[in-house]
PDB file of N, CA and C in Angstrom:
ATOM      1  N   MET A   1     -56.182 -10.937   6.988  1.00  0.00           N
ATOM      2  CA  MET A   1     -54.980 -11.161   6.209  1.00  0.00           C
ATOM      3  C   MET A   1     -55.319 -10.958   4.731  1.00  0.00           C
ATOM      4  N   ALA A   2     -54.615 -10.095   4.067  1.00  0.00           N
ATOM      5  CA  ALA A   2     -54.874  -9.792   2.655  1.00  0.00           C
ATOM      6  C   ALA A   2     -54.295 -10.883   1.762  1.00  0.00           C
ATOM      7  N   ASN A   3     -54.953 -11.077   0.635  1.00  0.00           N
ATOM      8  CA  ASN A   3     -54.448 -12.033  -0.348  1.00  0.00           C
ATOM      9  C   ASN A   3     -53.241 -11.443  -1.057  1.00  0.00           C
ATOM     10  N   ARG A   4     -52.233 -12.274  -1.270  1.00  0.00           N
ATOM     11  CA  ARG A   4     -51.074 -11.830  -2.035  1.00  0.00           C
ATOM     12  C   ARG A   4     -51.435 -11.816  -3.512  1.00  0.00           C
ATOM     13  N   PRO A   5     -50.931 -10.844  -4.260  1.00  0.00           N
ATOM     14  CA  PRO A   5     -51.204 -10.830  -5.700  1.00  0.00           C
ATOM     15  C   PRO A   5     -50.597 -12.062  -6.371  1.00  0.00           C
ATOM     16  N   ALA A   6     -51.305 -12.591  -7.334  1.00  0.00           N
ATOM     17  CA  ALA A   6     -50.789 -13.732  -8.086  1.00  0.00           C
ATOM     18  C   ALA A   6     -49.677 -13.260  -9.014  1.00  0.00           C
ATOM     19  N   ALA A   7     -48.699 -14.099  -9.204  1.00  0.00           N
ATOM     20  CA  ALA A   7     -47.623 -13.784 -10.151  1.00  0.00           C
ATOM     21  C   ALA A   7     -48.175 -13.845 -11.569  1.00  0.00           C
ATOM     22  N   ALA A   8     -47.541 -13.107 -12.467  1.00  0.00           N
ATOM     23  CA  ALA A   8     -47.957 -13.161 -13.870  1.00  0.00           C
ATOM     24  C   ALA A   8     -47.870 -14.605 -14.352  1.00  0.00           C
ATOM     25  N   LEU A   9     -48.864 -15.003 -15.095  1.00  0.00           N
ATOM     26  CA  LEU A   9     -48.931 -16.365 -15.617  1.00  0.00           C
ATOM     27  C   LEU A   9     -48.038 -16.476 -16.847  1.00  0.00           C
ATOM     28  N   GLY A  10     -47.176 -17.456 -16.865  1.00  0.00           N
ATOM     29  CA  GLY A  10     -46.325 -17.679 -18.032  1.00  0.00           C
ATOM     30  C   GLY A  10     -47.071 -18.478 -19.089  1.00  0.00           C
ATOM     31  N   LEU A  11     -47.046 -17.997 -20.327  1.00  0.00           N
ATOM     32  CA  LEU A  11     -47.708 -18.707 -21.419  1.00  0.00           C
ATOM     33  C   LEU A  11     -46.752 -19.716 -22.038  1.00  0.00           C
ATOM     34  N   ARG A  12     -47.309 -20.807 -22.513  1.00  0.00           N
ATOM     35  CA  ARG A  12     -46.517 -21.808 -23.227  1.00  0.00           C
ATOM     36  C   ARG A  12     -46.202 -21.292 -24.623  1.00  0.00           C
ATOM     37  N   ASP A  13     -45.148 -21.819 -25.214  1.00  0.00           N
ATOM     38  CA  ASP A  13     -44.739 -21.393 -26.558  1.00  0.00           C
ATOM     39  C   ASP A  13     -45.894 -21.515 -27.545  1.00  0.00           C
ATOM     40  N   GLY A  14     -46.132 -20.455 -28.290  1.00  0.00           N
ATOM     41  CA  GLY A  14     -47.159 -20.452 -29.319  1.00  0.00           C
ATOM     42  C   GLY A  14     -48.567 -20.204 -28.830  1.00  0.00           C
ATOM     43  N   ASP A  15     -48.768 -20.147 -27.522  1.00  0.00           N
ATOM     44  CA  ASP A  15     -50.131 -20.007 -26.994  1.00  0.00           C
ATOM     45  C   ASP A  15     -50.685 -18.595 -27.104  1.00  0.00           C
ATOM     46  N   PHE A  16     -49.828 -17.587 -27.153  1.00  0.00           N
ATOM     47  CA  PHE A  16     -50.337 -16.213 -27.188  1.00  0.00           C
ATOM     48  C   PHE A  16     -51.265 -16.007 -28.380  1.00  0.00           C
ATOM     49  N   GLU A  17     -50.833 -16.403 -29.560  1.00  0.00           N
ATOM     50  CA  GLU A  17     -51.647 -16.222 -30.764  1.00  0.00           C
ATOM     51  C   GLU A  17     -52.926 -17.048 -30.688  1.00  0.00           C
ATOM     52  N   ALA A  18     -52.803 -18.291 -30.248  1.00  0.00           N
ATOM     53  CA  ALA A  18     -53.975 -19.164 -30.151  1.00  0.00           C
ATOM     54  C   ALA A  18     -54.984 -18.614 -29.145  1.00  0.00           C
ATOM     55  N   LEU A  19     -54.509 -18.118 -28.022  1.00  0.00           N
ATOM     56  CA  LEU A  19     -55.407 -17.550 -27.012  1.00  0.00           C
ATOM     57  C   LEU A  19     -56.084 -16.286 -27.532  1.00  0.00           C
ATOM     58  N   ASN A  20     -55.359 -15.481 -28.291  1.00  0.00           N
ATOM     59  CA  ASN A  20     -55.976 -14.292 -28.889  1.00  0.00           C
ATOM     60  C   ASN A  20     -57.110 -14.678 -29.826  1.00  0.00           C
ATOM     61  N   ARG A  21     -56.893 -15.709 -30.645  1.00  0.00           N
ATOM     62  CA  ARG A  21     -57.959 -16.177 -31.549  1.00  0.00           C
ATOM     63  C   ARG A  21     -59.157 -16.670 -30.749  1.00  0.00           C
ATOM     64  N   LEU A  22     -58.900 -17.474 -29.734  1.00  0.00           N
ATOM     65  CA  LEU A  22     -59.988 -18.013 -28.916  1.00  0.00           C
ATOM     66  C   LEU A  22     -60.745 -16.908 -28.190  1.00  0.00           C
ATOM     67  N   SER A  23     -60.039 -15.871 -27.777  1.00  0.00           N
ATOM     68  CA  SER A  23     -60.689 -14.789 -27.026  1.00  0.00           C
ATOM     69  C   SER A  23     -61.682 -14.018 -27.887  1.00  0.00           C
ATOM     70  N   ARG A  24     -61.572 -14.172 -29.203  1.00  0.00           N
ATOM     71  CA  ARG A  24     -62.499 -13.506 -30.119  1.00  0.00           C
ATOM     72  C   ARG A  24     -63.496 -14.496 -30.720  1.00  0.00           C
ATOM     73  N   SER A  25     -63.655 -15.654 -30.084  1.00  0.00           N
ATOM     74  CA  SER A  25     -64.559 -16.688 -30.586  1.00  0.00           C
ATOM     75  C   SER A  25     -65.988 -16.188 -30.644  1.00  0.00           C
ATOM     76  N   SER A  26     -66.784 -16.865 -31.447  1.00  0.00           N
ATOM     77  CA  SER A  26     -68.195 -16.500 -31.618  1.00  0.00           C
ATOM     78  C   SER A  26     -68.990 -16.746 -30.340  1.00  0.00           C
ATOM     79  N   ALA A  27     -70.213 -16.248 -30.334  1.00  0.00           N
ATOM     80  CA  ALA A  27     -71.079 -16.349 -29.157  1.00  0.00           C
ATOM     81  C   ALA A  27     -71.294 -17.794 -28.730  1.00  0.00           C
ATOM     82  N   GLY A  28     -71.277 -18.717 -29.671  1.00  0.00           N
ATOM     83  CA  GLY A  28     -71.459 -20.127 -29.345  1.00  0.00           C
ATOM     84  C   GLY A  28     -70.336 -20.685 -28.489  1.00  0.00           C
ATOM     85  N   ARG A  29     -69.223 -19.978 -28.464  1.00  0.00           N
ATOM     86  CA  ARG A  29     -68.068 -20.406 -27.678  1.00  0.00           C
ATOM     87  C   ARG A  29     -67.693 -19.326 -26.665  1.00  0.00           C
ATOM     88  N   ALA A  30     -68.697 -18.657 -26.140  1.00  0.00           N
ATOM     89  CA  ALA A  30     -68.459 -17.530 -25.231  1.00  0.00           C
ATOM     90  C   ALA A  30     -67.673 -17.950 -23.993  1.00  0.00           C
ATOM     91  N   GLY A  31     -67.959 -19.124 -23.464  1.00  0.00           N
ATOM     92  CA  GLY A  31     -67.241 -19.590 -22.280  1.00  0.00           C
ATOM     93  C   GLY A  31     -65.763 -19.765 -22.549  1.00  0.00           C
ATOM     94  N   LEU A  32     -65.448 -20.356 -23.689  1.00  0.00           N
ATOM     95  CA  LEU A  32     -64.054 -20.553 -24.064  1.00  0.00           C
ATOM     96  C   LEU A  32     -63.364 -19.213 -24.298  1.00  0.00           C
ATOM     97  N   ALA A  33     -64.067 -18.277 -24.914  1.00  0.00           N
ATOM     98  CA  ALA A  33     -63.506 -16.940 -25.152  1.00  0.00           C
ATOM     99  C   ALA A  33     -63.188 -16.259 -23.822  1.00  0.00           C
ATOM    100  N   GLN A  34     -64.088 -16.382 -22.851  1.00  0.00           N
ATOM    101  CA  GLN A  34     -63.856 -15.776 -21.540  1.00  0.00           C
ATOM    102  C   GLN A  34     -62.639 -16.406 -20.865  1.00  0.00           C
ATOM    103  N   ARG A  35     -62.515 -17.717 -20.957  1.00  0.00           N
ATOM    104  CA  ARG A  35     -61.377 -18.407 -20.336  1.00  0.00           C
ATOM    105  C   ARG A  35     -60.063 -17.969 -20.968  1.00  0.00           C
ATOM    106  N   ALA A  36     -60.071 -17.818 -22.293  1.00  0.00           N
ATOM    107  CA  ALA A  36     -58.863 -17.353 -22.985  1.00  0.00           C
ATOM    108  C   ALA A  36     -58.506 -15.941 -22.536  1.00  0.00           C
ATOM    109  N   ARG A  37     -59.510 -15.078 -22.369  1.00  0.00           N
ATOM    110  CA  ARG A  37     -59.251 -13.711 -21.894  1.00  0.00           C
ATOM    111  C   ARG A  37     -58.671 -13.733 -20.483  1.00  0.00           C
ATOM    112  N   ILE A  38     -59.186 -14.621 -19.641  1.00  0.00           N
ATOM    113  CA  ILE A  38     -58.662 -14.752 -18.276  1.00  0.00           C
ATOM    114  C   ILE A  38     -57.169 -15.069 -18.322  1.00  0.00           C
ATOM    115  N   VAL A  39     -56.795 -16.034 -19.136  1.00  0.00           N
ATOM    116  CA  VAL A  39     -55.390 -16.435 -19.222  1.00  0.00           C
ATOM    117  C   VAL A  39     -54.531 -15.301 -19.779  1.00  0.00           C
ATOM    118  N   LEU A  40     -55.015 -14.630 -20.818  1.00  0.00           N
ATOM    119  CA  LEU A  40     -54.248 -13.517 -21.394  1.00  0.00           C
ATOM    120  C   LEU A  40     -54.047 -12.390 -20.385  1.00  0.00           C
ATOM    121  N   LEU A  41     -55.087 -12.055 -19.642  1.00  0.00           N
ATOM    122  CA  LEU A  41     -54.967 -10.993 -18.639  1.00  0.00           C
ATOM    123  C   LEU A  41     -54.044 -11.424 -17.498  1.00  0.00           C
ATOM    124  N   ALA A  42     -54.107 -12.701 -17.137  1.00  0.00           N
ATOM    125  CA  ALA A  42     -53.209 -13.216 -16.099  1.00  0.00           C
ATOM    126  C   ALA A  42     -51.757 -13.147 -16.567  1.00  0.00           C
ATOM    127  N   ALA A  43     -51.537 -13.387 -17.847  1.00  0.00           N
ATOM    128  CA  ALA A  43     -50.179 -13.303 -18.397  1.00  0.00           C
ATOM    129  C   ALA A  43     -49.661 -11.869 -18.386  1.00  0.00           C
ATOM    130  N   GLU A  44     -50.578 -10.899 -18.429  1.00  0.00           N
ATOM    131  CA  GLU A  44     -50.185  -9.486 -18.344  1.00  0.00           C
ATOM    132  C   GLU A  44     -49.830  -9.083 -16.919  1.00  0.00           C
ATOM    133  N   GLY A  45     -50.137  -9.947 -15.957  1.00  0.00           N
ATOM    134  CA  GLY A  45     -49.800  -9.668 -14.571  1.00  0.00           C
ATOM    135  C   GLY A  45     -50.903  -9.003 -13.768  1.00  0.00           C
ATOM    136  N   LEU A  46     -52.115  -8.944 -14.329  1.00  0.00           N
ATOM    137  CA  LEU A  46     -53.233  -8.347 -13.590  1.00  0.00           C
ATOM    138  C   LEU A  46     -53.629  -9.250 -12.427  1.00  0.00           C
ATOM    139  N   SER A  47     -54.141  -8.656 -11.373  1.00  0.00           N
ATOM    140  CA  SER A  47     -54.565  -9.440 -10.215  1.00  0.00           C
ATOM    141  C   SER A  47     -55.817 -10.241 -10.557  1.00  0.00           C
ATOM    142  N   ASN A  48     -56.032 -11.310  -9.808  1.00  0.00           N
ATOM    143  CA  ASN A  48     -57.217 -12.138 -10.026  1.00  0.00           C
ATOM    144  C   ASN A  48     -58.497 -11.331  -9.844  1.00  0.00           C
ATOM    145  N   THR A  49     -58.499 -10.411  -8.903  1.00  0.00           N
ATOM    146  CA  THR A  49     -59.675  -9.576  -8.659  1.00  0.00           C
ATOM    147  C   THR A  49     -59.964  -8.670  -9.850  1.00  0.00           C
ATOM    148  N   VAL A  50     -58.942  -8.040 -10.383  1.00  0.00           N
ATOM    149  CA  VAL A  50     -59.117  -7.158 -11.546  1.00  0.00           C
ATOM    150  C   VAL A  50     -59.573  -7.966 -12.755  1.00  0.00           C
ATOM    151  N   ILE A  51     -58.969  -9.131 -12.962  1.00  0.00           N
ATOM    152  CA  ILE A  51     -59.379  -9.983 -14.078  1.00  0.00           C
ATOM    153  C   ILE A  51     -60.851 -10.346 -13.936  1.00  0.00           C
ATOM    154  N   ALA A  52     -61.256 -10.737 -12.742  1.00  0.00           N
ATOM    155  CA  ALA A  52     -62.652 -11.110 -12.502  1.00  0.00           C
ATOM    156  C   ALA A  52     -63.592  -9.965 -12.856  1.00  0.00           C
ATOM    157  N   GLU A  53     -63.235  -8.763 -12.449  1.00  0.00           N
ATOM    158  CA  GLU A  53     -64.069  -7.597 -12.759  1.00  0.00           C
ATOM    159  C   GLU A  53     -64.139  -7.353 -14.258  1.00  0.00           C
ATOM    160  N   ARG A  54     -63.020  -7.501 -14.946  1.00  0.00           N
ATOM    161  CA  ARG A  54     -62.978  -7.220 -16.392  1.00  0.00           C
ATOM    162  C   ARG A  54     -63.760  -8.224 -17.223  1.00  0.00           C
ATOM    163  N   VAL A  55     -63.746  -9.490 -16.810  1.00  0.00           N
ATOM    164  CA  VAL A  55     -64.410 -10.514 -17.629  1.00  0.00           C
ATOM    165  C   VAL A  55     -65.785 -10.906 -17.099  1.00  0.00           C
ATOM    166  N   GLY A  56     -66.189 -10.349 -15.968  1.00  0.00           N
ATOM    167  CA  GLY A  56     -67.506 -10.661 -15.415  1.00  0.00           C
ATOM    168  C   GLY A  56     -67.581 -12.040 -14.785  1.00  0.00           C
ATOM    169  N   ALA A  57     -66.531 -12.405 -14.067  1.00  0.00           N
ATOM    170  CA  ALA A  57     -66.482 -13.700 -13.392  1.00  0.00           C
ATOM    171  C   ALA A  57     -66.140 -13.465 -11.925  1.00  0.00           C
ATOM    172  N   THR A  58     -66.149 -14.531 -11.152  1.00  0.00           N
ATOM    173  CA  THR A  58     -65.725 -14.417  -9.762  1.00  0.00           C
ATOM    174  C   THR A  58     -64.217 -14.628  -9.678  1.00  0.00           C
ATOM    175  N   ARG A  59     -63.645 -14.161  -8.603  1.00  0.00           N
ATOM    176  CA  ARG A  59     -62.208 -14.351  -8.370  1.00  0.00           C
ATOM    177  C   ARG A  59     -61.882 -15.846  -8.304  1.00  0.00           C
ATOM    178  N   THR A  60     -62.760 -16.623  -7.687  1.00  0.00           N
ATOM    179  CA  THR A  60     -62.564 -18.072  -7.589  1.00  0.00           C
ATOM    180  C   THR A  60     -62.522 -18.713  -8.970  1.00  0.00           C
ATOM    181  N   THR A  61     -63.388 -18.246  -9.870  1.00  0.00           N
ATOM    182  CA  THR A  61     -63.399 -18.761 -11.242  1.00  0.00           C
ATOM    183  C   THR A  61     -62.081 -18.449 -11.935  1.00  0.00           C
ATOM    184  N   VAL A  62     -61.599 -17.236 -11.769  1.00  0.00           N
ATOM    185  CA  VAL A  62     -60.325 -16.837 -12.380  1.00  0.00           C
ATOM    186  C   VAL A  62     -59.200 -17.733 -11.873  1.00  0.00           C
ATOM    187  N   ILE A  63     -59.144 -17.943 -10.586  1.00  0.00           N
ATOM    188  CA  ILE A  63     -58.105 -18.791 -10.000  1.00  0.00           C
ATOM    189  C   ILE A  63     -58.187 -20.207 -10.575  1.00  0.00           C
ATOM    190  N   GLY A  64     -59.398 -20.712 -10.712  1.00  0.00           N
ATOM    191  CA  GLY A  64     -59.585 -22.058 -11.255  1.00  0.00           C
ATOM    192  C   GLY A  64     -59.090 -22.196 -12.683  1.00  0.00           C
ATOM    193  N   TRP A  65     -59.408 -21.210 -13.527  1.00  0.00           N
ATOM    194  CA  TRP A  65     -58.977 -21.289 -14.930  1.00  0.00           C
ATOM    195  C   TRP A  65     -57.481 -21.057 -15.077  1.00  0.00           C
ATOM    196  N   ARG A  66     -56.911 -20.220 -14.248  1.00  0.00           N
ATOM    197  CA  ARG A  66     -55.441 -20.063 -14.248  1.00  0.00           C
ATOM    198  C   ARG A  66     -54.794 -21.412 -13.944  1.00  0.00           C
ATOM    199  N   SER A  67     -55.321 -22.084 -12.938  1.00  0.00           N
ATOM    200  CA  SER A  67     -54.778 -23.373 -12.527  1.00  0.00           C
ATOM    201  C   SER A  67     -54.925 -24.422 -13.630  1.00  0.00           C
ATOM    202  N   ARG A  68     -56.097 -24.457 -14.267  1.00  0.00           N
ATOM    203  CA  ARG A  68     -56.320 -25.416 -15.363  1.00  0.00           C
ATOM    204  C   ARG A  68     -55.340 -25.157 -16.501  1.00  0.00           C
ATOM    205  N   TYR A  69     -55.124 -23.883 -16.847  1.00  0.00           N
ATOM    206  CA  TYR A  69     -54.174 -23.573 -17.921  1.00  0.00           C
ATOM    207  C   TYR A  69     -52.766 -24.008 -17.522  1.00  0.00           C
ATOM    208  N   GLU A  70     -52.371 -23.728 -16.294  1.00  0.00           N
ATOM    209  CA  GLU A  70     -51.029 -24.098 -15.842  1.00  0.00           C
ATOM    210  C   GLU A  70     -50.806 -25.602 -15.922  1.00  0.00           C
ATOM    211  N   SER A  71     -51.839 -26.380 -15.618  1.00  0.00           N
ATOM    212  CA  SER A  71     -51.662 -27.833 -15.603  1.00  0.00           C
ATOM    213  C   SER A  71     -51.903 -28.495 -16.954  1.00  0.00           C
ATOM    214  N   ALA A  72     -52.779 -27.926 -17.795  1.00  0.00           N
ATOM    215  CA  ALA A  72     -53.147 -28.618 -19.036  1.00  0.00           C
ATOM    216  C   ALA A  72     -53.007 -27.769 -20.294  1.00  0.00           C
ATOM    217  N   GLY A  73     -52.590 -26.520 -20.163  1.00  0.00           N
ATOM    218  CA  GLY A  73     -52.467 -25.663 -21.339  1.00  0.00           C
ATOM    219  C   GLY A  73     -53.827 -25.311 -21.924  1.00  0.00           C
ATOM    220  N   ILE A  74     -53.837 -24.960 -23.200  1.00  0.00           N
ATOM    221  CA  ILE A  74     -55.082 -24.551 -23.857  1.00  0.00           C
ATOM    222  C   ILE A  74     -56.121 -25.666 -23.814  1.00  0.00           C
ATOM    223  N   ALA A  75     -55.692 -26.906 -23.918  1.00  0.00           N
ATOM    224  CA  ALA A  75     -56.636 -28.028 -23.872  1.00  0.00           C
ATOM    225  C   ALA A  75     -57.465 -27.996 -22.588  1.00  0.00           C
ATOM    226  N   GLY A  76     -56.888 -27.520 -21.502  1.00  0.00           N
ATOM    227  CA  GLY A  76     -57.596 -27.449 -20.232  1.00  0.00           C
ATOM    228  C   GLY A  76     -58.681 -26.394 -20.185  1.00  0.00           C
ATOM    229  N   LEU A  77     -58.693 -25.485 -21.160  1.00  0.00           N
ATOM    230  CA  LEU A  77     -59.708 -24.430 -21.186  1.00  0.00           C
ATOM    231  C   LEU A  77     -60.996 -24.874 -21.865  1.00  0.00           C
ATOM    232  N   HIS A  78     -60.944 -25.976 -22.590  1.00  0.00           N
ATOM    233  CA  HIS A  78     -62.129 -26.475 -23.290  1.00  0.00           C
ATOM    234  C   HIS A  78     -63.067 -27.165 -22.309  1.00  0.00           C
ATOM    235  N   ASP A  79     -64.362 -27.165 -22.633  1.00  0.00           N
ATOM    236  CA  ASP A  79     -65.346 -27.862 -21.812  1.00  0.00           C
ATOM    237  C   ASP A  79     -65.004 -29.343 -21.756  1.00  0.00           C
ATOM    238  N   GLN A  80     -65.194 -29.930 -20.597  1.00  0.00           N
ATOM    239  CA  GLN A  80     -64.978 -31.367 -20.453  1.00  0.00           C
ATOM    240  C   GLN A  80     -66.313 -32.066 -20.590  1.00  0.00           C
ATOM    241  N   ASP A  81     -66.323 -33.139 -21.351  1.00  0.00           N
ATOM    242  CA  ASP A  81     -67.575 -33.893 -21.554  1.00  0.00           C
ATOM    243  C   ASP A  81     -67.819 -34.861 -20.441  1.00  0.00           C
TER     244      ASP A  81
END
């Protein structure tokens, strides 16, 4: 059974600009930059598999970060202590 493509991720108001800034973060924040890129690509409607290939992550990782963004917004993309 094939996986159904994920629907394009809807961004919250004002998040597009903030995610673009985060996606260009310095090397010290590489993880956060990757997560922001995942969300931006998901908002473009790319499949989880394509996003994973583009950012160098697994499909499972992409699904997880999409879910975190949906539930917590940009705050959910930051490392948890």
